């Protein structure tokens, strides 16, 4: 019983920390003007958040990996010499929003499957 309570307290604390990190990431994405090259669901100069989330996933390992790319990117993206914690906040926001955008896009495609584009009764 005690272990179960401890686990619940840990998970609630982790969730609150993740939400706070997400909000910090949102502000940093605006501050560093990430949306000038990236979009939530469409490719621009750089990959969309959706493409990034599909490639790396949304788990803690993905957050760590994307954060390291933000700090020292392998491509023409400018390097952001920021602390790892800030980069992780940006990565969490990017991956979370990318997964949300992918989910919305899949849902729309699924809904469109019901349309009969060849129907005579438009």
PDB file of N, CA and C in Angstrom:
ATOM      1  N   UNK A   1       0.834  -1.194   0.000  1.00  0.00           N
ATOM      2  CA  UNK A   1       0.000   0.000   0.000  1.00  0.00           C
ATOM      3  C   UNK A   1       0.879   1.259   0.000  1.00  0.00           C
ATOM      4  N   UNK A   2       1.897   1.234   0.855  1.00  0.00           N
ATOM      5  CA  UNK A   2       2.791   2.387   0.951  1.00  0.00           C
ATOM      6  C   UNK A   2       3.532   2.623  -0.368  1.00  0.00           C
ATOM      7  N   UNK A   3       3.987   1.542  -0.996  1.00  0.00           N
ATOM      8  CA  UNK A   3       4.696   1.660  -2.282  1.00  0.00           C
ATOM      9  C   UNK A   3       3.782   2.251  -3.345  1.00  0.00           C
ATOM     10  N   UNK A   4       2.534   1.810  -3.361  1.00  0.00           N
ATOM     11  CA  UNK A   4       1.566   2.308  -4.333  1.00  0.00           C
ATOM     12  C   UNK A   4       1.355   3.818  -4.158  1.00  0.00           C
ATOM     13  N   UNK A   5       1.232   4.257  -2.914  1.00  0.00           N
ATOM     14  CA  UNK A   5       1.047   5.681  -2.623  1.00  0.00           C
ATOM     15  C   UNK A   5       2.275   6.475  -3.052  1.00  0.00           C
ATOM     16  N   UNK A   6       3.453   5.923  -2.789  1.00  0.00           N
ATOM     17  CA  UNK A   6       4.685   6.591  -3.189  1.00  0.00           C
ATOM     18  C   UNK A   6       4.776   6.724  -4.705  1.00  0.00           C
ATOM     19  N   UNK A   7       4.387   5.668  -5.419  1.00  0.00           N
ATOM     20  CA  UNK A   7       4.404   5.685  -6.878  1.00  0.00           C
ATOM     21  C   UNK A   7       3.444   6.748  -7.407  1.00  0.00           C
ATOM     22  N   UNK A   8       2.261   6.838  -6.826  1.00  0.00           N
ATOM     23  CA  UNK A   8       1.275   7.842  -7.256  1.00  0.00           C
ATOM     24  C   UNK A   8       1.807   9.243  -7.014  1.00  0.00           C
ATOM     25  N   UNK A   9       2.403   9.475  -5.861  1.00  0.00           N
ATOM     26  CA  UNK A   9       2.980  10.796  -5.559  1.00  0.00           C
ATOM     27  C   UNK A   9       4.092  11.123  -6.550  1.00  0.00           C
ATOM     28  N   UNK A  10       4.945  10.142  -6.851  1.00  0.00           N
ATOM     29  CA  UNK A  10       6.033  10.342  -7.814  1.00  0.00           C
ATOM     30  C   UNK A  10       5.481  10.694  -9.195  1.00  0.00           C
ATOM     31  N   UNK A  11       4.473   9.942  -9.643  1.00  0.00           N
ATOM     32  CA  UNK A  11       3.904  10.180 -10.973  1.00  0.00           C
ATOM     33  C   UNK A  11       3.225  11.542 -11.056  1.00  0.00           C
ATOM     34  N   UNK A  12       2.535  11.947  -9.998  1.00  0.00           N
ATOM     35  CA  UNK A  12       1.905  13.271  -9.992  1.00  0.00           C
ATOM     36  C   UNK A  12       2.980  14.347 -10.052  1.00  0.00           C
ATOM     37  N   UNK A  13       4.032  14.182  -9.272  1.00  0.00           N
ATOM     38  CA  UNK A  13       5.138  15.144  -9.293  1.00  0.00           C
ATOM     39  C   UNK A  13       5.813  15.202 -10.650  1.00  0.00           C
ATOM     40  N   UNK A  14       5.997  14.042 -11.277  1.00  0.00           N
ATOM     41  CA  UNK A  14       6.611  13.981 -12.606  1.00  0.00           C
ATOM     42  C   UNK A  14       5.736  14.679 -13.632  1.00  0.00           C
ATOM     43  N   UNK A  15       4.431  14.459 -13.539  1.00  0.00           N
ATOM     44  CA  UNK A  15       3.491  15.075 -14.473  1.00  0.00           C
ATOM     45  C   UNK A  15       3.508  16.592 -14.347  1.00  0.00           C
ATOM     46  N   UNK A  16       3.525  17.092 -13.127  1.00  0.00           N
ATOM     47  CA  UNK A  16       3.571  18.549 -12.901  1.00  0.00           C
ATOM     48  C   UNK A  16       4.878  19.105 -13.439  1.00  0.00           C
ATOM     49  N   UNK A  17       5.992  18.402 -13.204  1.00  0.00           N
ATOM     50  CA  UNK A  17       7.288  18.858 -13.717  1.00  0.00           C
ATOM     51  C   UNK A  17       7.273  18.875 -15.237  1.00  0.00           C
ATOM     52  N   UNK A  18       6.684  17.858 -15.848  1.00  0.00           N
ATOM     53  CA  UNK A  18       6.620  17.793 -17.305  1.00  0.00           C
ATOM     54  C   UNK A  18       5.776  18.924 -17.865  1.00  0.00           C
ATOM     55  N   UNK A  19       4.649  19.218 -17.210  1.00  0.00           N
ATOM     56  CA  UNK A  19       3.790  20.323 -17.661  1.00  0.00           C
ATOM     57  C   UNK A  19       4.518  21.648 -17.563  1.00  0.00           C
ATOM     58  N   UNK A  20       5.251  21.851 -16.476  1.00  0.00           N
ATOM     59  CA  UNK A  20       6.006  23.095 -16.302  1.00  0.00           C
ATOM     60  C   UNK A  20       7.079  23.199 -17.387  1.00  0.00           C
ATOM     61  N   UNK A  21       7.782  22.094 -17.626  1.00  0.00           N
ATOM     62  CA  UNK A  21       8.820  22.072 -18.653  1.00  0.00           C
ATOM     63  C   UNK A  21       8.206  22.353 -20.029  1.00  0.00           C
ATOM     64  N   UNK A  22       7.008  21.800 -20.271  1.00  0.00           N
ATOM     65  CA  UNK A  22       6.290  22.023 -21.533  1.00  0.00           C
ATOM     66  C   UNK A  22       6.005  23.513 -21.718  1.00  0.00           C
ATOM     67  N   UNK A  23       5.504  24.171 -20.680  1.00  0.00           N
ATOM     68  CA  UNK A  23       5.189  25.607 -20.760  1.00  0.00           C
ATOM     69  C   UNK A  23       6.448  26.444 -20.972  1.00  0.00           C
ATOM     70  N   UNK A  24       7.527  26.070 -20.314  1.00  0.00           N
ATOM     71  CA  UNK A  24       8.804  26.759 -20.518  1.00  0.00           C
ATOM     72  C   UNK A  24       9.251  26.563 -21.963  1.00  0.00           C
ATOM     73  N   UNK A  25       9.107  25.347 -22.477  1.00  0.00           N
ATOM     74  CA  UNK A  25       9.464  25.051 -23.866  1.00  0.00           C
ATOM     75  C   UNK A  25       8.668  25.891 -24.843  1.00  0.00           C
ATOM     76  N   UNK A  26       7.392  26.052 -24.574  1.00  0.00           N
ATOM     77  CA  UNK A  26       6.527  26.865 -25.439  1.00  0.00           C
ATOM     78  C   UNK A  26       7.050  28.301 -25.514  1.00  0.00           C
ATOM     79  N   UNK A  27       7.416  28.853 -24.377  1.00  0.00           N
ATOM     80  CA  UNK A  27       7.952  30.221 -24.341  1.00  0.00           C
ATOM     81  C   UNK A  27       9.300  30.312 -25.061  1.00  0.00           C
ATOM     82  N   UNK A  28      10.129  29.288 -24.890  1.00  0.00           N
ATOM     83  CA  UNK A  28      11.444  29.300 -25.542  1.00  0.00           C
ATOM     84  C   UNK A  28      11.326  29.162 -27.057  1.00  0.00           C
ATOM     85  N   UNK A  29      10.365  28.381 -27.529  1.00  0.00           N
ATOM     86  CA  UNK A  29      10.131  28.248 -28.981  1.00  0.00           C
ATOM     87  C   UNK A  29       9.786  29.621 -29.555  1.00  0.00           C
ATOM     88  N   UNK A  30       9.005  30.389 -28.824  1.00  0.00           N
ATOM     89  CA  UNK A  30       8.672  31.754 -29.261  1.00  0.00           C
ATOM     90  C   UNK A  30       9.898  32.654 -29.170  1.00  0.00           C
ATOM     91  N   UNK A  31      10.618  32.570 -28.056  1.00  0.00           N
ATOM     92  CA  UNK A  31      11.791  33.424 -27.839  1.00  0.00           C
ATOM     93  C   UNK A  31      12.867  33.201 -28.902  1.00  0.00           C
ATOM     94  N   UNK A  32      13.112  31.954 -29.255  1.00  0.00           N
ATOM     95  CA  UNK A  32      14.157  31.643 -30.236  1.00  0.00           C
ATOM     96  C   UNK A  32      13.627  31.618 -31.670  1.00  0.00           C
ATOM     97  N   UNK A  33      12.364  31.969 -31.844  1.00  0.00           N
ATOM     98  CA  UNK A  33      11.752  32.114 -33.169  1.00  0.00           C
ATOM     99  C   UNK A  33      11.837  30.822 -33.994  1.00  0.00           C
ATOM    100  N   UNK A  34      11.604  29.699 -33.352  1.00  0.00           N
ATOM    101  CA  UNK A  34      11.687  28.395 -34.025  1.00  0.00           C
ATOM    102  C   UNK A  34      10.670  28.260 -35.152  1.00  0.00           C
ATOM    103  N   UNK A  35       9.527  28.933 -34.990  1.00  0.00           N
ATOM    104  CA  UNK A  35       8.464  28.807 -35.989  1.00  0.00           C
ATOM    105  C   UNK A  35       8.764  29.576 -37.281  1.00  0.00           C
ATOM    106  N   UNK A  36       9.888  30.276 -37.331  1.00  0.00           N
ATOM    107  CA  UNK A  36      10.259  30.918 -38.593  1.00  0.00           C
ATOM    108  C   UNK A  36      10.769  29.874 -39.595  1.00  0.00           C
ATOM    109  N   UNK A  37      11.283  28.756 -39.090  1.00  0.00           N
ATOM    110  CA  UNK A  37      11.773  27.693 -39.976  1.00  0.00           C
ATOM    111  C   UNK A  37      10.980  26.395 -39.840  1.00  0.00           C
ATOM    112  N   UNK A  38      10.259  26.231 -38.740  1.00  0.00           N
ATOM    113  CA  UNK A  38       9.503  25.010 -38.482  1.00  0.00           C
ATOM    114  C   UNK A  38       8.024  25.343 -38.355  1.00  0.00           C
ATOM    115  N   UNK A  39       7.188  24.363 -38.617  1.00  0.00           N
ATOM    116  CA  UNK A  39       5.750  24.491 -38.468  1.00  0.00           C
ATOM    117  C   UNK A  39       5.274  23.281 -37.677  1.00  0.00           C
ATOM    118  N   UNK A  40       4.053  23.323 -37.203  1.00  0.00           N
ATOM    119  CA  UNK A  40       3.534  22.192 -36.443  1.00  0.00           C
ATOM    120  C   UNK A  40       3.315  20.964 -37.329  1.00  0.00           C
ATOM    121  N   UNK A  41       2.774  21.168 -38.529  1.00  0.00           N
ATOM    122  CA  UNK A  41       2.423  20.001 -39.341  1.00  0.00           C
ATOM    123  C   UNK A  41       2.929  20.041 -40.787  1.00  0.00           C
ATOM    124  N   UNK A  42       3.501  21.171 -41.218  1.00  0.00           N
ATOM    125  CA  UNK A  42       3.985  21.264 -42.600  1.00  0.00           C
ATOM    126  C   UNK A  42       5.478  21.555 -42.620  1.00  0.00           C
ATOM    127  N   UNK A  43       6.160  20.947 -43.574  1.00  0.00           N
ATOM    128  CA  UNK A  43       7.589  21.196 -43.733  1.00  0.00           C
ATOM    129  C   UNK A  43       7.801  22.617 -44.240  1.00  0.00           C
ATOM    130  N   UNK A  44       8.721  23.300 -43.653  1.00  0.00           N
ATOM    131  CA  UNK A  44       9.152  24.624 -44.114  1.00  0.00           C
ATOM    132  C   UNK A  44      10.632  24.491 -44.447  1.00  0.00           C
ATOM    133  N   UNK A  45      11.418  25.461 -44.044  1.00  0.00           N
ATOM    134  CA  UNK A  45      12.865  25.359 -44.211  1.00  0.00           C
ATOM    135  C   UNK A  45      13.380  24.134 -43.456  1.00  0.00           C
ATOM    136  N   UNK A  46      12.847  23.937 -42.271  1.00  0.00           N
ATOM    137  CA  UNK A  46      13.200  22.772 -41.462  1.00  0.00           C
ATOM    138  C   UNK A  46      12.018  21.826 -41.362  1.00  0.00           C
ATOM    139  N   UNK A  47      12.223  20.650 -40.789  1.00  0.00           N
ATOM    140  CA  UNK A  47      11.126  19.682 -40.671  1.00  0.00           C
ATOM    141  C   UNK A  47      10.032  20.189 -39.732  1.00  0.00           C
ATOM    142  N   UNK A  48       8.826  19.705 -39.952  1.00  0.00           N
ATOM    143  CA  UNK A  48       7.712  20.075 -39.073  1.00  0.00           C
ATOM    144  C   UNK A  48       7.865  19.369 -37.734  1.00  0.00           C
ATOM    145  N   UNK A  49       7.165  19.868 -36.736  1.00  0.00           N
ATOM    146  CA  UNK A  49       7.170  19.214 -35.428  1.00  0.00           C
ATOM    147  C   UNK A  49       6.616  17.800 -35.557  1.00  0.00           C
ATOM    148  N   UNK A  50       5.648  17.618 -36.468  1.00  0.00           N
ATOM    149  CA  UNK A  50       5.069  16.296 -36.700  1.00  0.00           C
ATOM    150  C   UNK A  50       6.130  15.331 -37.219  1.00  0.00           C
ATOM    151  N   UNK A  51       6.917  15.781 -38.195  1.00  0.00           N
ATOM    152  CA  UNK A  51       7.986  14.926 -38.747  1.00  0.00           C
ATOM    153  C   UNK A  51       9.009  14.570 -37.672  1.00  0.00           C
ATOM    154  N   UNK A  52       9.334  15.536 -36.832  1.00  0.00           N
ATOM    155  CA  UNK A  52      10.309  15.308 -35.762  1.00  0.00           C
ATOM    156  C   UNK A  52       9.764  14.275 -34.773  1.00  0.00           C
ATOM    157  N   UNK A  53       8.490  14.432 -34.389  1.00  0.00           N
ATOM    158  CA  UNK A  53       7.878  13.487 -33.439  1.00  0.00           C
ATOM    159  C   UNK A  53       7.781  12.087 -34.035  1.00  0.00           C
ATOM    160  N   UNK A  54       7.467  12.001 -35.330  1.00  0.00           N
ATOM    161  CA  UNK A  54       7.391  10.683 -35.975  1.00  0.00           C
ATOM    162  C   UNK A  54       8.763  10.019 -36.022  1.00  0.00           C
ATOM    163  N   UNK A  55       9.789  10.802 -36.257  1.00  0.00           N
ATOM    164  CA  UNK A  55      11.137  10.247 -36.373  1.00  0.00           C
ATOM    165  C   UNK A  55      11.700   9.808 -35.019  1.00  0.00           C
ATOM    166  N   UNK A  56      11.506  10.621 -33.980  1.00  0.00           N
ATOM    167  CA  UNK A  56      12.153  10.358 -32.699  1.00  0.00           C
ATOM    168  C   UNK A  56      11.224   9.781 -31.630  1.00  0.00           C
ATOM    169  N   UNK A  57       9.913   9.950 -31.775  1.00  0.00           N
ATOM    170  CA  UNK A  57       8.990   9.508 -30.734  1.00  0.00           C
ATOM    171  C   UNK A  57       8.742  10.622 -29.739  1.00  0.00           C
ATOM    172  N   UNK A  58       8.169  10.277 -28.599  1.00  0.00           N
ATOM    173  CA  UNK A  58       7.844  11.302 -27.607  1.00  0.00           C
ATOM    174  C   UNK A  58       8.329  10.963 -26.207  1.00  0.00           C
ATOM    175  N   UNK A  59       9.048   9.874 -26.056  1.00  0.00           N
ATOM    176  CA  UNK A  59       9.522   9.448 -24.736  1.00  0.00           C
ATOM    177  C   UNK A  59      10.705  10.264 -24.247  1.00  0.00           C
ATOM    178  N   UNK A  60      11.152   9.917 -23.058  1.00  0.00           N
ATOM    179  CA  UNK A  60      12.260  10.643 -22.435  1.00  0.00           C
ATOM    180  C   UNK A  60      13.548  10.536 -23.247  1.00  0.00           C
ATOM    181  N   UNK A  61      13.787   9.383 -23.853  1.00  0.00           N
ATOM    182  CA  UNK A  61      14.968   9.222 -24.704  1.00  0.00           C
ATOM    183  C   UNK A  61      14.912  10.173 -25.897  1.00  0.00           C
ATOM    184  N   UNK A  62      13.723  10.323 -26.470  1.00  0.00           N
ATOM    185  CA  UNK A  62      13.532  11.221 -27.610  1.00  0.00           C
ATOM    186  C   UNK A  62      13.770  12.666 -27.196  1.00  0.00           C
ATOM    187  N   UNK A  63      13.264  13.036 -26.022  1.00  0.00           N
ATOM    188  CA  UNK A  63      13.465  14.403 -25.517  1.00  0.00           C
ATOM    189  C   UNK A  63      14.955  14.687 -25.400  1.00  0.00           C
ATOM    190  N   UNK A  64      15.678  13.749 -24.832  1.00  0.00           N
ATOM    191  CA  UNK A  64      17.132  13.899 -24.660  1.00  0.00           C
ATOM    192  C   UNK A  64      17.842  14.025 -26.015  1.00  0.00           C
ATOM    193  N   UNK A  65      17.467  13.178 -26.949  1.00  0.00           N
ATOM    194  CA  UNK A  65      18.111  13.161 -28.267  1.00  0.00           C
ATOM    195  C   UNK A  65      17.831  14.455 -29.034  1.00  0.00           C
ATOM    196  N   UNK A  66      16.584  14.901 -29.047  1.00  0.00           N
ATOM    197  CA  UNK A  66      16.232  16.131 -29.767  1.00  0.00           C
ATOM    198  C   UNK A  66      16.876  17.338 -29.087  1.00  0.00           C
ATOM    199  N   UNK A  67      16.955  17.325 -27.769  1.00  0.00           N
ATOM    200  CA  UNK A  67      17.616  18.423 -27.045  1.00  0.00           C
ATOM    201  C   UNK A  67      19.076  18.562 -27.477  1.00  0.00           C
ATOM    202  N   UNK A  68      19.748  17.439 -27.609  1.00  0.00           N
ATOM    203  CA  UNK A  68      21.158  17.477 -28.038  1.00  0.00           C
ATOM    204  C   UNK A  68      21.283  17.990 -29.474  1.00  0.00           C
ATOM    205  N   UNK A  69      20.302  17.677 -30.309  1.00  0.00           N
ATOM    206  CA  UNK A  69      20.304  18.187 -31.689  1.00  0.00           C
ATOM    207  C   UNK A  69      20.085  19.697 -31.696  1.00  0.00           C
ATOM    208  N   UNK A  70      19.222  20.181 -30.805  1.00  0.00           N
ATOM    209  CA  UNK A  70      18.966  21.626 -30.709  1.00  0.00           C
ATOM    210  C   UNK A  70      20.246  22.356 -30.330  1.00  0.00           C
ATOM    211  N   UNK A  71      20.984  21.803 -29.400  1.00  0.00           N
ATOM    212  CA  UNK A  71      22.226  22.440 -28.932  1.00  0.00           C
ATOM    213  C   UNK A  71      23.310  22.397 -30.004  1.00  0.00           C
ATOM    214  N   UNK A  72      23.430  21.274 -30.668  1.00  0.00           N
ATOM    215  CA  UNK A  72      24.490  21.109 -31.668  1.00  0.00           C
ATOM    216  C   UNK A  72      23.937  20.377 -32.889  1.00  0.00           C
ATOM    217  N   UNK A  73      23.214  21.079 -33.747  1.00  0.00           N
ATOM    218  CA  UNK A  73      22.561  20.420 -34.888  1.00  0.00           C
ATOM    219  C   UNK A  73      23.545  19.977 -35.970  1.00  0.00           C
ATOM    220  N   UNK A  74      23.216  18.852 -36.640  1.00  0.00           N
ATOM    221  CA  UNK A  74      24.094  18.356 -37.690  1.00  0.00           C
ATOM    222  C   UNK A  74      23.866  19.043 -39.033  1.00  0.00           C
ATOM    223  N   UNK A  75      22.843  19.844 -39.152  1.00  0.00           N
ATOM    224  CA  UNK A  75      22.501  20.446 -40.447  1.00  0.00           C
ATOM    225  C   UNK A  75      22.753  21.948 -40.429  1.00  0.00           C
ATOM    226  N   UNK A  76      22.060  22.646 -41.297  1.00  0.00           N
ATOM    227  CA  UNK A  76      22.251  24.089 -41.405  1.00  0.00           C
ATOM    228  C   UNK A  76      21.458  24.871 -40.360  1.00  0.00           C
ATOM    229  N   UNK A  77      20.764  24.175 -39.469  1.00  0.00           N
ATOM    230  CA  UNK A  77      20.069  24.855 -38.375  1.00  0.00           C
ATOM    231  C   UNK A  77      21.109  25.522 -37.482  1.00  0.00           C
ATOM    232  N   UNK A  78      20.858  26.747 -37.070  1.00  0.00           N
ATOM    233  CA  UNK A  78      21.851  27.408 -36.213  1.00  0.00           C
ATOM    234  C   UNK A  78      21.932  26.714 -34.856  1.00  0.00           C
ATOM    235  N   UNK A  79      23.137  26.555 -34.326  1.00  0.00           N
ATOM    236  CA  UNK A  79      23.273  25.928 -33.007  1.00  0.00           C
ATOM    237  C   UNK A  79      22.792  26.886 -31.917  1.00  0.00           C
ATOM    238  N   UNK A  80      22.106  26.350 -30.951  1.00  0.00           N
ATOM    239  CA  UNK A  80      21.662  27.144 -29.813  1.00  0.00           C
ATOM    240  C   UNK A  80      22.495  26.717 -28.612  1.00  0.00           C
ATOM    241  N   UNK A  81      23.444  27.520 -28.278  1.00  0.00           N
ATOM    242  CA  UNK A  81      24.327  27.215 -27.154  1.00  0.00           C
ATOM    243  C   UNK A  81      23.588  27.572 -25.861  1.00  0.00           C
ATOM    244  N   UNK A  82      22.654  26.706 -25.511  1.00  0.00           N
ATOM    245  CA  UNK A  82      21.838  26.900 -24.317  1.00  0.00           C
ATOM    246  C   UNK A  82      22.025  25.692 -23.407  1.00  0.00           C
ATOM    247  N   UNK A  83      21.684  25.857 -22.123  1.00  0.00           N
ATOM    248  CA  UNK A  83      21.799  24.716 -21.207  1.00  0.00           C
ATOM    249  C   UNK A  83      20.896  23.557 -21.648  1.00  0.00           C
ATOM    250  N   UNK A  84      21.309  22.355 -21.309  1.00  0.00           N
ATOM    251  CA  UNK A  84      20.568  21.152 -21.683  1.00  0.00           C
ATOM    252  C   UNK A  84      19.124  21.201 -21.185  1.00  0.00           C
ATOM    253  N   UNK A  85      18.898  21.739 -20.002  1.00  0.00           N
ATOM    254  CA  UNK A  85      17.529  21.782 -19.448  1.00  0.00           C
ATOM    255  C   UNK A  85      16.605  22.638 -20.318  1.00  0.00           C
ATOM    256  N   UNK A  86      17.101  23.756 -20.843  1.00  0.00           N
ATOM    257  CA  UNK A  86      16.297  24.587 -21.739  1.00  0.00           C
ATOM    258  C   UNK A  86      16.035  23.855 -23.055  1.00  0.00           C
ATOM    259  N   UNK A  87      17.060  23.204 -23.568  1.00  0.00           N
ATOM    260  CA  UNK A  87      16.906  22.450 -24.820  1.00  0.00           C
ATOM    261  C   UNK A  87      15.912  21.308 -24.632  1.00  0.00           C
ATOM    262  N   UNK A  88      15.927  20.668 -23.465  1.00  0.00           N
ATOM    263  CA  UNK A  88      14.974  19.594 -23.186  1.00  0.00           C
ATOM    264  C   UNK A  88      13.548  20.130 -23.109  1.00  0.00           C
ATOM    265  N   UNK A  89      13.383  21.323 -22.576  1.00  0.00           N
ATOM    266  CA  UNK A  89      12.052  21.935 -22.510  1.00  0.00           C
ATOM    267  C   UNK A  89      11.534  22.204 -23.923  1.00  0.00           C
ATOM    268  N   UNK A  90      12.400  22.716 -24.779  1.00  0.00           N
ATOM    269  CA  UNK A  90      12.015  22.952 -26.182  1.00  0.00           C
ATOM    270  C   UNK A  90      11.678  21.625 -26.847  1.00  0.00           C
ATOM    271  N   UNK A  91      12.521  20.628 -26.647  1.00  0.00           N
ATOM    272  CA  UNK A  91      12.309  19.315 -27.263  1.00  0.00           C
ATOM    273  C   UNK A  91      10.988  18.707 -26.816  1.00  0.00           C
ATOM    274  N   UNK A  92      10.671  18.796 -25.518  1.00  0.00           N
ATOM    275  CA  UNK A  92       9.414  18.238 -25.014  1.00  0.00           C
ATOM    276  C   UNK A  92       8.226  18.927 -25.681  1.00  0.00           C
ATOM    277  N   UNK A  93       8.305  20.255 -25.810  1.00  0.00           N
ATOM    278  CA  UNK A  93       7.219  21.001 -26.445  1.00  0.00           C
ATOM    279  C   UNK A  93       7.078  20.599 -27.915  1.00  0.00           C
ATOM    280  N   UNK A  94       8.190  20.551 -28.628  1.00  0.00           N
ATOM    281  CA  UNK A  94       8.182  20.203 -30.057  1.00  0.00           C
ATOM    282  C   UNK A  94       7.608  18.802 -30.268  1.00  0.00           C
ATOM    283  N   UNK A  95       8.055  17.844 -29.486  1.00  0.00           N
ATOM    284  CA  UNK A  95       7.601  16.465 -29.648  1.00  0.00           C
ATOM    285  C   UNK A  95       6.130  16.303 -29.263  1.00  0.00           C
ATOM    286  N   UNK A  96       5.715  16.977 -28.208  1.00  0.00           N
ATOM    287  CA  UNK A  96       4.312  16.904 -27.776  1.00  0.00           C
ATOM    288  C   UNK A  96       3.397  17.524 -28.816  1.00  0.00           C
ATOM    289  N   UNK A  97       3.757  18.706 -29.292  1.00  0.00           N
ATOM    290  CA  UNK A  97       2.927  19.381 -30.299  1.00  0.00           C
ATOM    291  C   UNK A  97       2.962  18.640 -31.636  1.00  0.00           C
ATOM    292  N   UNK A  98       4.099  18.055 -31.957  1.00  0.00           N
ATOM    293  CA  UNK A  98       4.203  17.272 -33.185  1.00  0.00           C
ATOM    294  C   UNK A  98       3.292  16.061 -33.147  1.00  0.00           C
ATOM    295  N   UNK A  99       3.253  15.390 -32.002  1.00  0.00           N
ATOM    296  CA  UNK A  99       2.376  14.223 -31.851  1.00  0.00           C
ATOM    297  C   UNK A  99       0.908  14.645 -31.918  1.00  0.00           C
ATOM    298  N   UNK A 100       0.568  15.788 -31.309  1.00  0.00           N
ATOM    299  CA  UNK A 100      -0.816  16.292 -31.368  1.00  0.00           C
ATOM    300  C   UNK A 100      -1.203  16.604 -32.815  1.00  0.00           C
ATOM    301  N   UNK A 101      -0.318  17.281 -33.532  1.00  0.00           N
ATOM    302  CA  UNK A 101      -0.600  17.647 -34.929  1.00  0.00           C
ATOM    303  C   UNK A 101      -0.753  16.397 -35.787  1.00  0.00           C
ATOM    304  N   UNK A 102       0.070  15.389 -35.549  1.00  0.00           N
ATOM    305  CA  UNK A 102      -0.026  14.134 -36.308  1.00  0.00           C
ATOM    306  C   UNK A 102      -1.360  13.451 -36.029  1.00  0.00           C
ATOM    307  N   UNK A 103      -1.769  13.487 -34.778  1.00  0.00           N
ATOM    308  CA  UNK A 103      -3.035  12.869 -34.382  1.00  0.00           C
ATOM    309  C   UNK A 103      -4.212  13.564 -35.062  1.00  0.00           C
ATOM    310  N   UNK A 104      -4.185  14.881 -35.098  1.00  0.00           N
ATOM    311  CA  UNK A 104      -5.258  15.644 -35.762  1.00  0.00           C
ATOM    312  C   UNK A 104      -5.280  15.346 -37.254  1.00  0.00           C
ATOM    313  N   UNK A 105      -4.098  15.253 -37.852  1.00  0.00           N
ATOM    314  CA  UNK A 105      -3.994  14.997 -39.288  1.00  0.00           C
ATOM    315  C   UNK A 105      -4.540  13.611 -39.616  1.00  0.00           C
ATOM    316  N   UNK A 106      -4.206  12.607 -38.819  1.00  0.00           N
ATOM    317  CA  UNK A 106      -4.704  11.251 -39.039  1.00  0.00           C
ATOM    318  C   UNK A 106      -6.218  11.202 -38.877  1.00  0.00           C
ATOM    319  N   UNK A 107      -6.729  11.918 -37.898  1.00  0.00           N
ATOM    320  CA  UNK A 107      -8.166  11.929 -37.663  1.00  0.00           C
ATOM    321  C   UNK A 107      -8.878  12.539 -38.860  1.00  0.00           C
ATOM    322  N   UNK A 108      -8.338  13.620 -39.409  1.00  0.00           N
ATOM    323  CA  UNK A 108      -8.952  14.267 -40.562  1.00  0.00           C
ATOM    324  C   UNK A 108      -8.962  13.320 -41.765  1.00  0.00           C
ATOM    325  N   UNK A 109      -7.863  12.635 -42.005  1.00  0.00           N
ATOM    326  CA  UNK A 109      -7.802  11.680 -43.111  1.00  0.00           C
ATOM    327  C   UNK A 109      -8.846  10.599 -42.903  1.00  0.00           C
ATOM    328  N   UNK A 110      -8.983  10.130 -41.688  1.00  0.00           N
ATOM    329  CA  UNK A 110      -9.953   9.083 -41.378  1.00  0.00           C
ATOM    330  C   UNK A 110     -11.374   9.580 -41.642  1.00  0.00           C
ATOM    331  N   UNK A 111     -11.668  10.813 -41.225  1.00  0.00           N
ATOM    332  CA  UNK A 111     -12.998  11.376 -41.455  1.00  0.00           C
ATOM    333  C   UNK A 111     -13.263  11.566 -42.946  1.00  0.00           C
ATOM    334  N   UNK A 112     -12.259  11.957 -43.695  1.00  0.00           N
ATOM    335  CA  UNK A 112     -12.414  12.170 -45.128  1.00  0.00           C
ATOM    336  C   UNK A 112     -12.671  10.869 -45.881  1.00  0.00           C
ATOM    337  N   UNK A 113     -12.312   9.740 -45.289  1.00  0.00           N
ATOM    338  CA  UNK A 113     -12.560   8.452 -45.931  1.00  0.00           C
ATOM    339  C   UNK A 113     -14.045   8.193 -46.150  1.00  0.00           C
ATOM    340  N   UNK A 114     -14.882   8.858 -45.391  1.00  0.00           N
ATOM    341  CA  UNK A 114     -16.321   8.649 -45.507  1.00  0.00           C
ATOM    342  C   UNK A 114     -16.954   9.485 -46.619  1.00  0.00           C
ATOM    343  N   UNK A 115     -16.208  10.423 -47.165  1.00  0.00           N
ATOM    344  CA  UNK A 115     -16.743  11.248 -48.241  1.00  0.00           C
ATOM    345  C   UNK A 115     -16.706  10.473 -49.552  1.00  0.00           C
ATOM    346  N   UNK A 116     -17.777  10.530 -50.280  1.00  0.00           N
ATOM    347  CA  UNK A 116     -17.834   9.883 -51.589  1.00  0.00           C
ATOM    348  C   UNK A 116     -17.633  10.974 -52.629  1.00  0.00           C
ATOM    349  N   UNK A 117     -16.387  11.130 -53.066  1.00  0.00           N
ATOM    350  CA  UNK A 117     -16.062  12.210 -53.983  1.00  0.00           C
ATOM    351  C   UNK A 117     -16.645  11.994 -55.377  1.00  0.00           C
ATOM    352  N   UNK A 118     -17.051  10.779 -55.686  1.00  0.00           N
ATOM    353  CA  UNK A 118     -17.641  10.487 -56.990  1.00  0.00           C
ATOM    354  C   UNK A 118     -19.160  10.561 -56.975  1.00  0.00           C
ATOM    355  N   UNK A 119     -19.702  10.926 -55.854  1.00  0.00           N
ATOM    356  CA  UNK A 119     -21.162  10.966 -55.718  1.00  0.00           C
ATOM    357  C   UNK A 119     -21.767  12.045 -56.619  1.00  0.00           C
ATOM    358  N   UNK A 120     -22.944  11.765 -57.123  1.00  0.00           N
ATOM    359  CA  UNK A 120     -23.673  12.719 -57.956  1.00  0.00           C
ATOM    360  C   UNK A 120     -24.397  13.763 -57.109  1.00  0.00           C
ATOM    361  N   UNK A 121     -24.457  13.536 -55.826  1.00  0.00           N
ATOM    362  CA  UNK A 121     -25.292  14.382 -54.954  1.00  0.00           C
ATOM    363  C   UNK A 121     -24.415  15.256 -54.039  1.00  0.00           C
ATOM    364  N   UNK A 122     -23.743  16.198 -54.629  1.00  0.00           N
ATOM    365  CA  UNK A 122     -22.901  17.114 -53.836  1.00  0.00           C
ATOM    366  C   UNK A 122     -23.734  18.224 -53.297  1.00  0.00           C
TER     367      UNK A 122
END
